[in-house]
């Protein structure tokens, strides 16, 4: 590592300080974080086991739910081990390339989750607005293509963030990252060079993926609500609406937390830094925790699967 005019040239190691301003209580913050992580691992793994073991659940809605659960497990696992290493074991150092890789994984899984939520909204749209064609449209081949497509879209759009940092930014003011994990803007702001291109591309990815997904999901549900409210029978309206409740809850928790964290991080200059970092952590921890709970409470087939696994049968 070489210093030039007060800047650091290509640092091999960065230091994650955790939550700035709350260093003295990070040990205690790590306890609920760890509990949330364990609960999300258990809940999403349980969802995956239930969907895999029950052939009646091998339908598009539940297969998308399985994709969502797997993504939630991967997303939370990308950050929690290192966060707990900082909070509990005072291990803040991370190799620069490893930090970039973590950043790429985190943003890729965020985009994958957004793509899956869009696919789930389109599935509900076809199931309610054009039910006779649902089975012929949402085939297993299409589900595989959607899974591959949202993964490639996320990986390809997130990769330039990594490349732009690696290739454009050579001199850094400091190696101390005021964050508990490697987030794009937290790394970019360390640079002593012009970062406008990096910031513009980060905003471009956020709006072209998350922004457009929100628009299409919203339009899908507007069309769904119009169709549901035009159904002649009250029971049919309730049944159709109940199939969407869980997804609407998951959609709101993911995007509301995400956009609030995104805009406060970039434009909330008067908000204390620890608020930014706590919101960023909760954005990545709360959805994986709540998603299996929401679907477990609102989906009878999932509840039946949980009961089947844990209910001890009486010996005959």
Protein backbone atom coordinates (compact mmCIF):
# COMPACT_ATOMS: atom_id res chain seq x y z
CA UNK A 1 0.00 0.00 0.00
CA UNK A 2 1.52 3.31 -1.15
CA UNK A 3 0.65 6.83 0.03
CA UNK A 4 0.78 9.74 -2.39
CA UNK A 5 -0.14 13.33 -1.48
CA UNK A 6 -2.13 12.14 1.51
CA UNK A 7 -4.03 9.49 -0.48
CA UNK A 8 -3.70 5.72 -0.41
CA UNK A 9 -2.98 3.93 -3.69
CA UNK A 10 -4.89 0.67 -4.25
CA UNK A 11 -5.34 -0.45 -0.61
CA UNK A 12 -5.20 -4.24 -0.27
CA UNK A 13 -7.31 -4.23 2.92
CA UNK A 14 -10.31 -2.19 4.08
CA UNK A 15 -11.62 -1.77 7.61
CA UNK A 16 -15.35 -2.04 8.33
CA UNK A 17 -16.15 -0.16 11.53
CA UNK A 18 -19.68 -1.54 11.96
CA UNK A 19 -22.22 1.07 13.03
CA UNK A 20 -20.49 4.46 13.47
CA UNK A 21 -21.47 6.09 16.74
CA UNK A 22 -22.70 2.85 18.30
CA UNK A 23 -19.40 0.99 18.59
CA UNK A 24 -19.78 0.66 22.37
CA UNK A 25 -23.08 -1.24 22.09
CA UNK A 26 -22.41 -3.24 18.93
CA UNK A 27 -21.96 -6.42 20.96
CA UNK A 28 -25.56 -6.13 22.18
CA UNK A 29 -26.89 -5.13 18.76
CA UNK A 30 -25.37 -8.33 17.41
CA UNK A 31 -27.66 -10.46 19.61
CA UNK A 32 -30.98 -9.50 17.93
CA UNK A 33 -29.22 -9.50 14.55
CA UNK A 34 -28.04 -13.07 15.16
CA UNK A 35 -31.51 -14.11 16.36
CA UNK A 36 -33.10 -12.61 13.22
CA UNK A 37 -30.56 -14.44 11.04
CA UNK A 38 -31.17 -17.81 12.70
CA UNK A 39 -34.94 -17.33 12.51
CA UNK A 40 -34.76 -16.39 8.82
CA UNK A 41 -32.55 -19.42 8.05
CA UNK A 42 -34.96 -21.72 9.88
CA UNK A 43 -38.11 -20.20 8.36
CA UNK A 44 -36.90 -20.11 4.77
CA UNK A 45 -35.33 -23.57 4.99
CA UNK A 46 -38.64 -24.89 6.34
CA UNK A 47 -40.48 -23.31 3.39
CA UNK A 48 -38.04 -24.95 0.97
CA UNK A 49 -38.44 -28.38 2.61
CA UNK A 50 -42.24 -28.14 2.57
CA UNK A 51 -42.40 -27.11 -1.09
CA UNK A 52 -39.90 -29.80 -2.14
CA UNK A 53 -41.64 -32.60 -0.24
CA UNK A 54 -45.24 -31.77 -1.22
CA UNK A 55 -45.92 -32.48 -4.89
CA UNK A 56 -49.18 -30.54 -4.66
CA UNK A 57 -47.09 -27.40 -4.07
CA UNK A 58 -45.09 -27.80 -7.30
CA UNK A 59 -47.07 -24.94 -8.81
CA UNK A 60 -45.74 -21.59 -10.08
CA UNK A 61 -46.76 -19.58 -7.00
CA UNK A 62 -44.99 -21.93 -4.60
CA UNK A 63 -41.97 -22.50 -6.83
CA UNK A 64 -41.49 -18.73 -6.98
CA UNK A 65 -41.80 -18.73 -3.19
CA UNK A 66 -39.03 -21.36 -3.04
CA UNK A 67 -36.83 -19.14 -5.23
CA UNK A 68 -37.56 -16.22 -2.91
CA UNK A 69 -36.65 -18.29 0.16
CA UNK A 70 -33.36 -19.46 -1.37
CA UNK A 71 -32.49 -15.86 -2.31
CA UNK A 72 -33.31 -14.65 1.21
CA UNK A 73 -31.00 -17.27 2.72
CA UNK A 74 -28.17 -16.31 0.36
CA UNK A 75 -28.68 -12.56 0.88
CA UNK A 76 -28.63 -12.66 4.68
CA UNK A 77 -25.69 -15.10 4.67
CA UNK A 78 -23.68 -12.63 2.56
CA UNK A 79 -23.58 -10.09 5.37
CA UNK A 80 -24.36 -11.59 8.80
CA UNK A 81 -21.24 -13.70 9.41
CA UNK A 82 -18.97 -10.72 8.73
CA UNK A 83 -21.22 -8.31 10.67
CA UNK A 84 -21.15 -10.59 13.71
CA UNK A 85 -17.38 -10.94 13.28
CA UNK A 86 -17.12 -7.15 13.61
CA UNK A 87 -19.59 -6.84 16.50
CA UNK A 88 -18.49 -9.82 18.60
CA UNK A 89 -14.92 -10.76 17.68
CA UNK A 90 -13.41 -7.41 16.62
CA UNK A 91 -12.53 -8.62 13.11
CA UNK A 92 -13.11 -5.49 11.00
CA UNK A 93 -10.53 -6.07 8.26
CA UNK A 94 -11.55 -7.39 4.85
CA UNK A 95 -9.49 -7.77 1.69
CA UNK A 96 -10.35 -5.12 -0.90
CA UNK A 97 -11.24 -7.69 -3.57
CA UNK A 98 -13.29 -9.71 -1.07
CA UNK A 99 -15.15 -6.50 -0.16
CA UNK A 100 -15.97 -5.86 -3.82
CA UNK A 101 -17.14 -9.45 -4.22
CA UNK A 102 -19.41 -9.13 -1.17
CA UNK A 103 -20.79 -5.89 -2.61
CA UNK A 104 -21.52 -7.59 -5.94
CA UNK A 105 -23.23 -10.54 -4.24
CA UNK A 106 -25.41 -8.32 -2.04
CA UNK A 107 -26.61 -6.09 -4.87
CA UNK A 108 -27.08 -9.09 -7.18
CA UNK A 109 -29.29 -10.89 -4.65
CA UNK A 110 -31.28 -7.70 -4.05
CA UNK A 111 -31.98 -7.47 -7.78
CA UNK A 112 -32.80 -11.19 -7.97
CA UNK A 113 -35.34 -10.79 -5.15
CA UNK A 114 -36.92 -7.86 -6.96
CA UNK A 115 -37.17 -9.91 -10.15
CA UNK A 116 -38.80 -12.82 -8.31
CA UNK A 117 -41.36 -10.47 -6.74
CA UNK A 118 -42.18 -9.17 -10.23
CA UNK A 119 -42.57 -12.74 -11.52
CA UNK A 120 -44.89 -13.54 -8.59
CA UNK A 121 -47.01 -10.47 -9.40
CA UNK A 122 -47.27 -11.51 -13.06
CA UNK A 123 -48.21 -15.04 -12.00
CA UNK A 124 -51.07 -13.67 -9.85
CA UNK A 125 -52.08 -11.35 -12.70
CA UNK A 126 -52.47 -14.22 -15.17
CA UNK A 127 -54.08 -16.53 -12.57
CA UNK A 128 -56.80 -13.98 -11.75
CA UNK A 129 -57.23 -12.02 -14.98
CA UNK A 130 -56.79 -14.89 -17.47
CA UNK A 131 -57.15 -18.12 -15.44
CA UNK A 132 -57.86 -20.42 -18.40
CA UNK A 133 -54.43 -19.70 -19.90
CA UNK A 134 -52.45 -19.77 -16.63
CA UNK A 135 -51.36 -23.41 -16.88
CA UNK A 136 -50.33 -23.07 -20.52
CA UNK A 137 -48.36 -19.84 -19.91
CA UNK A 138 -46.59 -20.59 -16.62
CA UNK A 139 -45.03 -23.92 -17.56
CA UNK A 140 -42.03 -25.40 -15.74
CA UNK A 141 -39.90 -24.43 -18.74
CA UNK A 142 -40.95 -20.79 -18.36
CA UNK A 143 -40.27 -20.89 -14.61
CA UNK A 144 -36.73 -22.12 -15.31
CA UNK A 145 -36.23 -19.38 -17.89
CA UNK A 146 -37.50 -16.75 -15.44
CA UNK A 147 -35.15 -18.02 -12.71
CA UNK A 148 -32.15 -17.94 -15.06
CA UNK A 149 -33.23 -14.60 -16.51
CA UNK A 150 -33.58 -12.70 -13.23
CA UNK A 151 -30.26 -14.16 -12.03
CA UNK A 152 -28.38 -13.14 -15.18
CA UNK A 153 -30.05 -9.71 -15.21
CA UNK A 154 -28.93 -9.07 -11.63
CA UNK A 155 -25.38 -10.38 -12.08
CA UNK A 156 -24.80 -8.48 -15.33
CA UNK A 157 -26.19 -5.14 -14.12
CA UNK A 158 -24.34 -5.34 -10.77
CA UNK A 159 -20.99 -6.29 -12.31
CA UNK A 160 -20.13 -2.81 -13.72
CA UNK A 161 -20.37 -1.38 -10.18
CA UNK A 162 -17.49 -3.66 -9.24
CA UNK A 163 -15.57 -3.01 -12.47
CA UNK A 164 -15.93 0.78 -12.25
CA UNK A 165 -14.50 0.79 -8.72
CA UNK A 166 -11.68 -1.59 -9.59
CA UNK A 167 -10.66 0.12 -12.83
CA UNK A 168 -11.45 3.82 -12.26
CA UNK A 169 -10.69 4.46 -8.58
CA UNK A 170 -7.02 4.12 -7.72
CA UNK A 171 -6.53 6.65 -4.92
CA UNK A 172 -8.46 6.60 -1.64
CA UNK A 173 -8.61 9.10 1.20
CA UNK A 174 -8.96 6.34 3.79
CA UNK A 175 -9.36 2.60 4.10
CA UNK A 176 -11.98 2.88 6.86
CA UNK A 177 -15.49 2.05 5.62
CA UNK A 178 -18.21 3.63 7.78
CA UNK A 179 -20.48 0.64 7.38
CA UNK A 180 -20.97 -2.89 8.68
CA UNK A 181 -20.79 -4.49 5.22
CA UNK A 182 -19.48 -3.58 1.78
CA UNK A 183 -22.12 -1.36 0.21
CA UNK A 184 -21.55 0.34 -3.15
CA UNK A 185 -21.77 3.99 -2.09
CA UNK A 186 -19.89 3.37 1.17
CA UNK A 187 -16.90 2.15 -0.85
CA UNK A 188 -17.18 4.76 -3.62
CA UNK A 189 -17.16 7.62 -1.09
CA UNK A 190 -13.69 6.54 0.08
CA UNK A 191 -12.16 7.57 -3.24
CA UNK A 192 -10.14 10.73 -3.69
CA UNK A 193 -11.08 10.89 -7.39
CA UNK A 194 -14.13 11.88 -9.41
CA UNK A 195 -16.93 9.45 -8.49
CA UNK A 196 -19.74 10.92 -10.58
CA UNK A 197 -19.74 8.01 -13.05
CA UNK A 198 -19.96 5.49 -10.20
CA UNK A 199 -22.82 7.38 -8.55
CA UNK A 200 -24.72 7.77 -11.81
CA UNK A 201 -24.40 4.09 -12.65
CA UNK A 202 -25.55 3.10 -9.15
CA UNK A 203 -28.65 5.26 -9.56
CA UNK A 204 -29.19 3.85 -13.06
CA UNK A 205 -29.19 0.26 -11.78
CA UNK A 206 -31.52 1.15 -8.90
CA UNK A 207 -34.08 2.76 -11.20
CA UNK A 208 -33.76 0.44 -14.21
CA UNK A 209 -34.22 -2.70 -12.08
CA UNK A 210 -35.91 -1.87 -8.78
CA UNK A 211 -37.76 1.14 -10.16
CA UNK A 212 -39.16 -0.59 -13.25
CA UNK A 213 -40.02 -3.70 -11.24
CA UNK A 214 -42.05 -1.56 -8.83
CA UNK A 215 -43.89 0.06 -11.74
CA UNK A 216 -44.79 -3.28 -13.37
CA UNK A 217 -45.79 -4.86 -10.05
CA UNK A 218 -48.00 -1.88 -9.25
CA UNK A 219 -49.64 -1.97 -12.69
CA UNK A 220 -50.22 -5.71 -12.32
CA UNK A 221 -52.00 -5.25 -9.00
CA UNK A 222 -54.08 -2.33 -10.25
CA UNK A 223 -55.33 -4.64 -13.03
CA UNK A 224 -55.84 -7.47 -10.53
CA UNK A 225 -57.88 -5.27 -8.17
CA UNK A 226 -60.06 -4.05 -11.05
CA UNK A 227 -60.75 -7.65 -12.07
CA UNK A 228 -61.39 -8.81 -8.50
CA UNK A 229 -63.82 -6.00 -7.69
CA UNK A 230 -65.75 -6.74 -10.89
CA UNK A 231 -66.39 -10.35 -9.87
CA UNK A 232 -70.13 -10.86 -9.25
CA UNK A 233 -69.86 -13.05 -6.14
CA UNK A 234 -68.47 -11.81 -2.82
CA UNK A 235 -66.95 -15.21 -2.01
CA UNK A 236 -65.09 -15.24 -5.31
CA UNK A 237 -63.74 -11.74 -4.65
CA UNK A 238 -62.49 -12.73 -1.20
CA UNK A 239 -60.89 -15.93 -2.47
CA UNK A 240 -59.09 -14.11 -5.28
CA UNK A 241 -57.93 -11.32 -2.97
CA UNK A 242 -56.69 -13.78 -0.33
CA UNK A 243 -54.30 -15.35 -2.85
CA UNK A 244 -52.60 -11.94 -3.20
CA UNK A 245 -52.43 -10.77 0.43
CA UNK A 246 -49.14 -12.47 1.29
CA UNK A 247 -47.40 -11.21 -1.85
CA UNK A 248 -48.65 -7.65 -1.31
CA UNK A 249 -47.23 -7.70 2.25
CA UNK A 250 -43.87 -9.02 1.04
CA UNK A 251 -43.83 -6.50 -1.82
CA UNK A 252 -44.48 -3.57 0.54
CA UNK A 253 -41.93 -4.60 3.18
CA UNK A 254 -39.16 -5.15 0.61
CA UNK A 255 -39.62 -1.98 -1.44
CA UNK A 256 -40.62 0.43 1.33
CA UNK A 257 -37.59 -0.55 3.42
CA UNK A 258 -35.39 -0.58 0.32
CA UNK A 259 -36.32 2.84 -1.03
CA UNK A 260 -36.28 4.43 2.42
CA UNK A 261 -32.77 3.09 3.03
CA UNK A 262 -31.67 4.05 -0.51
CA UNK A 263 -32.84 7.67 -0.35
CA UNK A 264 -31.74 8.34 3.22
CA UNK A 265 -28.26 7.01 2.38
CA UNK A 266 -27.93 9.36 -0.62
CA UNK A 267 -29.99 12.40 0.29
CA UNK A 268 -30.55 12.31 4.06
CA UNK A 269 -27.58 14.49 4.91
CA UNK A 270 -29.05 15.60 8.25
CA UNK A 271 -29.81 12.05 9.44
CA UNK A 272 -27.17 10.60 11.84
CA UNK A 273 -24.88 8.00 10.18
CA UNK A 274 -25.91 5.23 12.58
CA UNK A 275 -29.50 5.60 11.36
CA UNK A 276 -28.32 5.04 7.77
CA UNK A 277 -26.37 1.93 8.73
CA UNK A 278 -29.09 0.46 10.94
CA UNK A 279 -31.65 0.96 8.14
CA UNK A 280 -29.30 -0.67 5.63
CA UNK A 281 -28.84 -3.69 7.88
CA UNK A 282 -32.55 -3.99 8.63
CA UNK A 283 -33.34 -3.76 4.92
CA UNK A 284 -31.28 -6.91 4.34
CA UNK A 285 -32.42 -8.73 7.50
CA UNK A 286 -36.12 -7.97 7.96
CA UNK A 287 -37.53 -9.30 4.64
CA UNK A 288 -35.80 -12.71 4.96
CA UNK A 289 -37.19 -12.90 8.52
CA UNK A 290 -40.74 -11.82 7.71
CA UNK A 291 -41.29 -13.51 4.33
CA UNK A 292 -41.73 -17.08 5.65
CA UNK A 293 -43.89 -15.76 8.52
CA UNK A 294 -46.14 -13.83 6.13
CA UNK A 295 -46.57 -16.77 3.78
CA UNK A 296 -46.96 -19.22 6.65
CA UNK A 297 -49.76 -17.17 8.21
CA UNK A 298 -51.59 -16.33 4.97
CA UNK A 299 -51.16 -19.57 2.99
CA UNK A 300 -53.13 -22.61 4.14
CA UNK A 301 -50.99 -25.06 2.15
CA UNK A 302 -47.83 -23.83 3.89
CA UNK A 303 -49.52 -24.03 7.31
CA UNK A 304 -50.63 -27.59 6.53
CA UNK A 305 -47.08 -28.48 5.50
CA UNK A 306 -45.67 -27.11 8.76
CA UNK A 307 -48.27 -29.07 10.75
CA UNK A 308 -47.45 -32.23 8.81
CA UNK A 309 -43.75 -31.90 9.61
CA UNK A 310 -44.05 -31.09 13.33
CA UNK A 311 -47.22 -32.93 14.30
CA UNK A 312 -46.34 -36.20 15.97
CA UNK A 313 -48.70 -38.91 14.81
CA UNK A 314 -50.19 -41.24 17.38
CA UNK A 315 -49.01 -44.83 17.04
CA UNK A 316 -51.61 -47.06 15.47
